[in-house]
Amino acid sequence: MIKNNHEYKYQLFVEMWEDDYTVAEIAKKLHLRESTVAGKNFKGRYYREHPRVKPGRINVDRMMALVHE
């Protein structure tokens, strides 16, 4: 169940991002600013939850998140 409006918009963001929509298109659809969509709460969160790291490379963001837990 979706807890609040932010989570609902984040879920829509994920669906659109995975369908290769641009940041501008997503921002317009969700009635948000492009900087909000491209920031840590949407795009940043997506990449934390779905890391794309080349084999043999260290994901520094994920490593630092683990260090500071």
PDB file of N, CA and C in Angstrom:
ATOM      1  N   MET A   1       0.836  -1.184   0.000  1.00  0.00           N
ATOM      2  CA  MET A   1       0.000   0.000   0.000  1.00  0.00           C
ATOM      3  C   MET A   1       0.883   1.251   0.000  1.00  0.00           C
ATOM      4  N   ILE A   2       0.491   2.242  -0.740  1.00  0.00           N
ATOM      5  CA  ILE A   2       1.263   3.470  -0.831  1.00  0.00           C
ATOM      6  C   ILE A   2       0.928   4.360   0.361  1.00  0.00           C
ATOM      7  N   LYS A   3       1.982   4.760   1.104  1.00  0.00           N
ATOM      8  CA  LYS A   3       1.772   5.493   2.347  1.00  0.00           C
ATOM      9  C   LYS A   3       1.421   6.956   2.142  1.00  0.00           C
ATOM     10  N   ASN A   4       2.049   7.592   1.166  1.00  0.00           N
ATOM     11  CA  ASN A   4       1.807   9.020   0.996  1.00  0.00           C
ATOM     12  C   ASN A   4       2.024   9.430  -0.455  1.00  0.00           C
ATOM     13  N   ASN A   5       1.809  10.689  -0.724  1.00  0.00           N
ATOM     14  CA  ASN A   5       1.918  11.218  -2.073  1.00  0.00           C
ATOM     15  C   ASN A   5       3.337  11.093  -2.631  1.00  0.00           C
ATOM     16  N   HIS A   6       4.338  11.290  -1.774  1.00  0.00           N
ATOM     17  CA  HIS A   6       5.725  11.179  -2.239  1.00  0.00           C
ATOM     18  C   HIS A   6       6.021   9.762  -2.737  1.00  0.00           C
ATOM     19  N   GLU A   7       5.589   8.768  -1.989  1.00  0.00           N
ATOM     20  CA  GLU A   7       5.832   7.379  -2.387  1.00  0.00           C
ATOM     21  C   GLU A   7       5.101   7.048  -3.687  1.00  0.00           C
ATOM     22  N   TYR A   8       3.917   7.589  -3.840  1.00  0.00           N
ATOM     23  CA  TYR A   8       3.150   7.375  -5.070  1.00  0.00           C
ATOM     24  C   TYR A   8       3.895   7.976  -6.262  1.00  0.00           C
ATOM     25  N   LYS A   9       4.371   9.206  -6.088  1.00  0.00           N
ATOM     26  CA  LYS A   9       5.110   9.858  -7.169  1.00  0.00           C
ATOM     27  C   LYS A   9       6.427   9.142  -7.441  1.00  0.00           C
ATOM     28  N   TYR A  10       7.081   8.645  -6.396  1.00  0.00           N
ATOM     29  CA  TYR A  10       8.326   7.902  -6.594  1.00  0.00           C
ATOM     30  C   TYR A  10       8.066   6.626  -7.389  1.00  0.00           C
ATOM     31  N   GLN A  11       6.979   5.936  -7.074  1.00  0.00           N
ATOM     32  CA  GLN A  11       6.630   4.712  -7.795  1.00  0.00           C
ATOM     33  C   GLN A  11       6.385   5.016  -9.276  1.00  0.00           C
ATOM     34  N   LEU A  12       5.666   6.100  -9.559  1.00  0.00           N
ATOM     35  CA  LEU A  12       5.444   6.508 -10.947  1.00  0.00           C
ATOM     36  C   LEU A  12       6.770   6.877 -11.617  1.00  0.00           C
ATOM     37  N   PHE A  13       7.636   7.571 -10.873  1.00  0.00           N
ATOM     38  CA  PHE A  13       8.953   7.932 -11.398  1.00  0.00           C
ATOM     39  C   PHE A  13       9.721   6.689 -11.830  1.00  0.00           C
ATOM     40  N   VAL A  14       9.737   5.670 -10.981  1.00  0.00           N
ATOM     41  CA  VAL A  14      10.475   4.435 -11.290  1.00  0.00           C
ATOM     42  C   VAL A  14       9.951   3.801 -12.571  1.00  0.00           C
ATOM     43  N   GLU A  15       8.641   3.718 -12.697  1.00  0.00           N
ATOM     44  CA  GLU A  15       8.045   3.127 -13.895  1.00  0.00           C
ATOM     45  C   GLU A  15       8.435   3.917 -15.149  1.00  0.00           C
ATOM     46  N   MET A  16       8.352   5.241 -15.062  1.00  0.00           N
ATOM     47  CA  MET A  16       8.671   6.079 -16.214  1.00  0.00           C
ATOM     48  C   MET A  16      10.172   6.061 -16.519  1.00  0.00           C
ATOM     49  N   TRP A  17      11.004   6.087 -15.475  1.00  0.00           N
ATOM     50  CA  TRP A  17      12.458   6.078 -15.668  1.00  0.00           C
ATOM     51  C   TRP A  17      12.898   4.786 -16.359  1.00  0.00           C
ATOM     52  N   GLU A  18      12.302   3.669 -15.958  1.00  0.00           N
ATOM     53  CA  GLU A  18      12.649   2.386 -16.566  1.00  0.00           C
ATOM     54  C   GLU A  18      12.111   2.262 -17.988  1.00  0.00           C
ATOM     55  N   ASP A  19      11.111   3.095 -18.331  1.00  0.00           N
ATOM     56  CA  ASP A  19      10.601   3.138 -19.707  1.00  0.00           C
ATOM     57  C   ASP A  19      11.313   4.194 -20.541  1.00  0.00           C
ATOM     58  N   ASP A  20      12.436   4.719 -20.025  1.00  0.00           N
ATOM     59  CA  ASP A  20      13.308   5.665 -20.738  1.00  0.00           C
ATOM     60  C   ASP A  20      12.674   7.022 -21.020  1.00  0.00           C
ATOM     61  N   TYR A  21      11.843   7.505 -20.116  1.00  0.00           N
ATOM     62  CA  TYR A  21      11.357   8.883 -20.212  1.00  0.00           C
ATOM     63  C   TYR A  21      12.492   9.807 -19.777  1.00  0.00           C
ATOM     64  N   THR A  22      12.506  11.030 -20.270  1.00  0.00           N
ATOM     65  CA  THR A  22      13.510  11.997 -19.843  1.00  0.00           C
ATOM     66  C   THR A  22      13.081  12.620 -18.519  1.00  0.00           C
ATOM     67  N   VAL A  23      14.037  13.277 -17.851  1.00  0.00           N
ATOM     68  CA  VAL A  23      13.735  13.954 -16.588  1.00  0.00           C
ATOM     69  C   VAL A  23      12.660  15.015 -16.813  1.00  0.00           C
ATOM     70  N   ALA A  24      12.757  15.745 -17.920  1.00  0.00           N
ATOM     71  CA  ALA A  24      11.765  16.799 -18.218  1.00  0.00           C
ATOM     72  C   ALA A  24      10.369  16.209 -18.387  1.00  0.00           C
ATOM     73  N   GLU A  25      10.260  15.096 -19.092  1.00  0.00           N
ATOM     74  CA  GLU A  25       8.952  14.459 -19.293  1.00  0.00           C
ATOM     75  C   GLU A  25       8.364  13.963 -17.974  1.00  0.00           C
ATOM     76  N   ILE A  26       9.208  13.383 -17.138  1.00  0.00           N
ATOM     77  CA  ILE A  26       8.742  12.873 -15.842  1.00  0.00           C
ATOM     78  C   ILE A  26       8.289  14.032 -14.959  1.00  0.00           C
ATOM     79  N   ALA A  27       9.080  15.106 -14.922  1.00  0.00           N
ATOM     80  CA  ALA A  27       8.741  16.268 -14.099  1.00  0.00           C
ATOM     81  C   ALA A  27       7.401  16.859 -14.516  1.00  0.00           C
ATOM     82  N   LYS A  28       7.180  16.956 -15.812  1.00  0.00           N
ATOM     83  CA  LYS A  28       5.912  17.507 -16.309  1.00  0.00           C
ATOM     84  C   LYS A  28       4.737  16.610 -15.911  1.00  0.00           C
ATOM     85  N   LYS A  29       4.913  15.305 -16.055  1.00  0.00           N
ATOM     86  CA  LYS A  29       3.841  14.356 -15.746  1.00  0.00           C
ATOM     87  C   LYS A  29       3.503  14.337 -14.250  1.00  0.00           C
ATOM     88  N   LEU A  30       4.536  14.462 -13.397  1.00  0.00           N
ATOM     89  CA  LEU A  30       4.328  14.399 -11.955  1.00  0.00           C
ATOM     90  C   LEU A  30       4.097  15.769 -11.328  1.00  0.00           C
ATOM     91  N   HIS A  31       4.108  16.818 -12.150  1.00  0.00           N
ATOM     92  CA  HIS A  31       3.917  18.188 -11.675  1.00  0.00           C
ATOM     93  C   HIS A  31       4.981  18.574 -10.646  1.00  0.00           C
ATOM     94  N   LEU A  32       6.239  18.283 -10.987  1.00  0.00           N
ATOM     95  CA  LEU A  32       7.377  18.619 -10.140  1.00  0.00           C
ATOM     96  C   LEU A  32       8.406  19.395 -10.959  1.00  0.00           C
ATOM     97  N   ARG A  33       9.357  19.994 -10.280  1.00  0.00           N
ATOM     98  CA  ARG A  33      10.461  20.656 -10.971  1.00  0.00           C
ATOM     99  C   ARG A  33      11.465  19.602 -11.422  1.00  0.00           C
ATOM    100  N   GLU A  34      12.182  19.910 -12.511  1.00  0.00           N
ATOM    101  CA  GLU A  34      13.191  18.971 -13.010  1.00  0.00           C
ATOM    102  C   GLU A  34      14.269  18.713 -11.962  1.00  0.00           C
ATOM    103  N   SER A  35      14.650  19.742 -11.212  1.00  0.00           N
ATOM    104  CA  SER A  35      15.688  19.569 -10.190  1.00  0.00           C
ATOM    105  C   SER A  35      15.234  18.612  -9.095  1.00  0.00           C
ATOM    106  N   THR A  36      13.938  18.594  -8.809  1.00  0.00           N
ATOM    107  CA  THR A  36      13.399  17.670  -7.807  1.00  0.00           C
ATOM    108  C   THR A  36      13.500  16.231  -8.302  1.00  0.00           C
ATOM    109  N   VAL A  37      13.149  16.013  -9.552  1.00  0.00           N
ATOM    110  CA  VAL A  37      13.194  14.664 -10.124  1.00  0.00           C
ATOM    111  C   VAL A  37      14.638  14.178 -10.251  1.00  0.00           C
ATOM    112  N   ALA A  38      15.545  15.081 -10.626  1.00  0.00           N
ATOM    113  CA  ALA A  38      16.945  14.705 -10.832  1.00  0.00           C
ATOM    114  C   ALA A  38      17.731  14.650  -9.528  1.00  0.00           C
ATOM    115  N   GLY A  39      17.136  15.080  -8.429  1.00  0.00           N
ATOM    116  CA  GLY A  39      17.835  15.137  -7.148  1.00  0.00           C
ATOM    117  C   GLY A  39      17.882  13.821  -6.410  1.00  0.00           C
ATOM    118  N   LYS A  40      18.307  13.913  -5.139  1.00  0.00           N
ATOM    119  CA  LYS A  40      18.547  12.706  -4.343  1.00  0.00           C
ATOM    120  C   LYS A  40      17.273  11.956  -3.965  1.00  0.00           C
ATOM    121  N   ASN A  41      16.129  12.640  -3.915  1.00  0.00           N
ATOM    122  CA  ASN A  41      14.911  11.967  -3.471  1.00  0.00           C
ATOM    123  C   ASN A  41      14.272  11.080  -4.531  1.00  0.00           C
ATOM    124  N   PHE A  42      14.556  11.319  -5.784  1.00  0.00           N
ATOM    125  CA  PHE A  42      13.985  10.492  -6.845  1.00  0.00           C
ATOM    126  C   PHE A  42      15.088   9.731  -7.580  1.00  0.00           C
ATOM    127  N   LYS A  43      15.863  10.415  -8.390  1.00  0.00           N
ATOM    128  CA  LYS A  43      16.905   9.752  -9.178  1.00  0.00           C
ATOM    129  C   LYS A  43      17.985   9.156  -8.270  1.00  0.00           C
ATOM    130  N   GLY A  44      18.374   9.908  -7.255  1.00  0.00           N
ATOM    131  CA  GLY A  44      19.388   9.411  -6.316  1.00  0.00           C
ATOM    132  C   GLY A  44      18.926   8.167  -5.587  1.00  0.00           C
ATOM    133  N   ARG A  45      17.684   8.191  -5.130  1.00  0.00           N
ATOM    134  CA  ARG A  45      17.124   7.024  -4.435  1.00  0.00           C
ATOM    135  C   ARG A  45      17.045   5.828  -5.376  1.00  0.00           C
ATOM    136  N   TYR A  46      16.658   6.085  -6.627  1.00  0.00           N
ATOM    137  CA  TYR A  46      16.552   4.998  -7.586  1.00  0.00           C
ATOM    138  C   TYR A  46      17.898   4.293  -7.752  1.00  0.00           C
ATOM    139  N   TYR A  47      18.962   5.077  -7.910  1.00  0.00           N
ATOM    140  CA  TYR A  47      20.279   4.474  -8.115  1.00  0.00           C
ATOM    141  C   TYR A  47      20.838   3.837  -6.852  1.00  0.00           C
ATOM    142  N   ARG A  48      20.391   4.287  -5.670  1.00  0.00           N
ATOM    143  CA  ARG A  48      20.786   3.593  -4.436  1.00  0.00           C
ATOM    144  C   ARG A  48      20.094   2.239  -4.354  1.00  0.00           C
ATOM    145  N   GLU A  49      18.826   2.183  -4.769  1.00  0.00           N
ATOM    146  CA  GLU A  49      18.059   0.940  -4.692  1.00  0.00           C
ATOM    147  C   GLU A  49      18.342   0.005  -5.864  1.00  0.00           C
ATOM    148  N   HIS A  50      18.790   0.554  -6.999  1.00  0.00           N
ATOM    149  CA  HIS A  50      19.077  -0.238  -8.187  1.00  0.00           C
ATOM    150  C   HIS A  50      20.480   0.095  -8.689  1.00  0.00           C
ATOM    151  N   PRO A  51      21.504  -0.318  -7.939  1.00  0.00           N
ATOM    152  CA  PRO A  51      22.864   0.072  -8.337  1.00  0.00           C
ATOM    153  C   PRO A  51      23.263  -0.540  -9.672  1.00  0.00           C
ATOM    154  N   ARG A  52      23.878   0.294 -10.498  1.00  0.00           N
ATOM    155  CA  ARG A  52      24.408  -0.177 -11.780  1.00  0.00           C
ATOM    156  C   ARG A  52      25.912   0.028 -11.749  1.00  0.00           C
ATOM    157  N   VAL A  53      26.617  -1.005 -11.357  1.00  0.00           N
ATOM    158  CA  VAL A  53      28.065  -0.910 -11.216  1.00  0.00           C
ATOM    159  C   VAL A  53      28.713  -1.922 -12.143  1.00  0.00           C
ATOM    160  N   LYS A  54      29.731  -1.487 -12.845  1.00  0.00           N
ATOM    161  CA  LYS A  54      30.448  -2.398 -13.729  1.00  0.00           C
ATOM    162  C   LYS A  54      31.162  -3.445 -12.881  1.00  0.00           C
ATOM    163  N   PRO A  55      31.259  -4.674 -13.372  1.00  0.00           N
ATOM    164  CA  PRO A  55      31.959  -5.724 -12.617  1.00  0.00           C
ATOM    165  C   PRO A  55      33.387  -5.287 -12.297  1.00  0.00           C
ATOM    166  N   GLY A  56      33.797  -5.530 -11.059  1.00  0.00           N
ATOM    167  CA  GLY A  56      35.151  -5.172 -10.659  1.00  0.00           C
ATOM    168  C   GLY A  56      35.300  -3.743 -10.163  1.00  0.00           C
ATOM    169  N   ARG A  57      34.219  -2.958 -10.178  1.00  0.00           N
ATOM    170  CA  ARG A  57      34.299  -1.572  -9.697  1.00  0.00           C
ATOM    171  C   ARG A  57      33.548  -1.447  -8.374  1.00  0.00           C
ATOM    172  N   ILE A  58      34.013  -0.553  -7.550  1.00  0.00           N
ATOM    173  CA  ILE A  58      33.393  -0.340  -6.245  1.00  0.00           C
ATOM    174  C   ILE A  58      32.338   0.755  -6.356  1.00  0.00           C
ATOM    175  N   ASN A  59      31.153   0.480  -5.827  1.00  0.00           N
ATOM    176  CA  ASN A  59      30.100   1.486  -5.756  1.00  0.00           C
ATOM    177  C   ASN A  59      30.353   2.300  -4.485  1.00  0.00           C
ATOM    178  N   VAL A  60      30.985   3.456  -4.634  1.00  0.00           N
ATOM    179  CA  VAL A  60      31.412   4.267  -3.495  1.00  0.00           C
ATOM    180  C   VAL A  60      30.222   4.729  -2.671  1.00  0.00           C
ATOM    181  N   ASP A  61      29.134   5.148  -3.314  1.00  0.00           N
ATOM    182  CA  ASP A  61      27.959   5.610  -2.580  1.00  0.00           C
ATOM    183  C   ASP A  61      27.384   4.508  -1.688  1.00  0.00           C
ATOM    184  N   ARG A  62      27.291   3.337  -2.233  1.00  0.00           N
ATOM    185  CA  ARG A  62      26.737   2.224  -1.463  1.00  0.00           C
ATOM    186  C   ARG A  62      27.682   1.828  -0.320  1.00  0.00           C
ATOM    187  N   MET A  63      28.987   1.835  -0.599  1.00  0.00           N
ATOM    188  CA  MET A  63      29.982   1.498   0.414  1.00  0.00           C
ATOM    189  C   MET A  63      29.895   2.503   1.579  1.00  0.00           C
ATOM    190  N   MET A  64      29.798   3.801   1.274  1.00  0.00           N
ATOM    191  CA  MET A  64      29.736   4.815   2.314  1.00  0.00           C
ATOM    192  C   MET A  64      28.434   4.708   3.103  1.00  0.00           C
ATOM    193  N   ALA A  65      27.342   4.339   2.444  1.00  0.00           N
ATOM    194  CA  ALA A  65      26.077   4.151   3.153  1.00  0.00           C
ATOM    195  C   ALA A  65      26.205   3.016   4.154  1.00  0.00           C
ATOM    196  N   LEU A  66      26.899   1.934   3.785  1.00  0.00           N
ATOM    197  CA  LEU A  66      27.098   0.817   4.703  1.00  0.00           C
ATOM    198  C   LEU A  66      28.010   1.200   5.860  1.00  0.00           C
ATOM    199  N   VAL A  67      29.056   1.976   5.568  1.00  0.00           N
ATOM    200  CA  VAL A  67      29.998   2.409   6.604  1.00  0.00           C
ATOM    201  C   VAL A  67      29.293   3.259   7.664  1.00  0.00           C
ATOM    202  N   HIS A  68      28.344   4.087   7.240  1.00  0.00           N
ATOM    203  CA  HIS A  68      27.703   5.018   8.172  1.00  0.00           C
ATOM    204  C   HIS A  68      26.419   4.495   8.787  1.00  0.00           C
ATOM    205  N   GLU A  69      26.110   3.213   8.583  1.00  0.00           N
ATOM    206  CA  GLU A  69      24.914   2.636   9.221  1.00  0.00           C
ATOM    207  C   GLU A  69      25.157   2.400  10.688  1.00  0.00           C
TER     208      GLU A  69
END
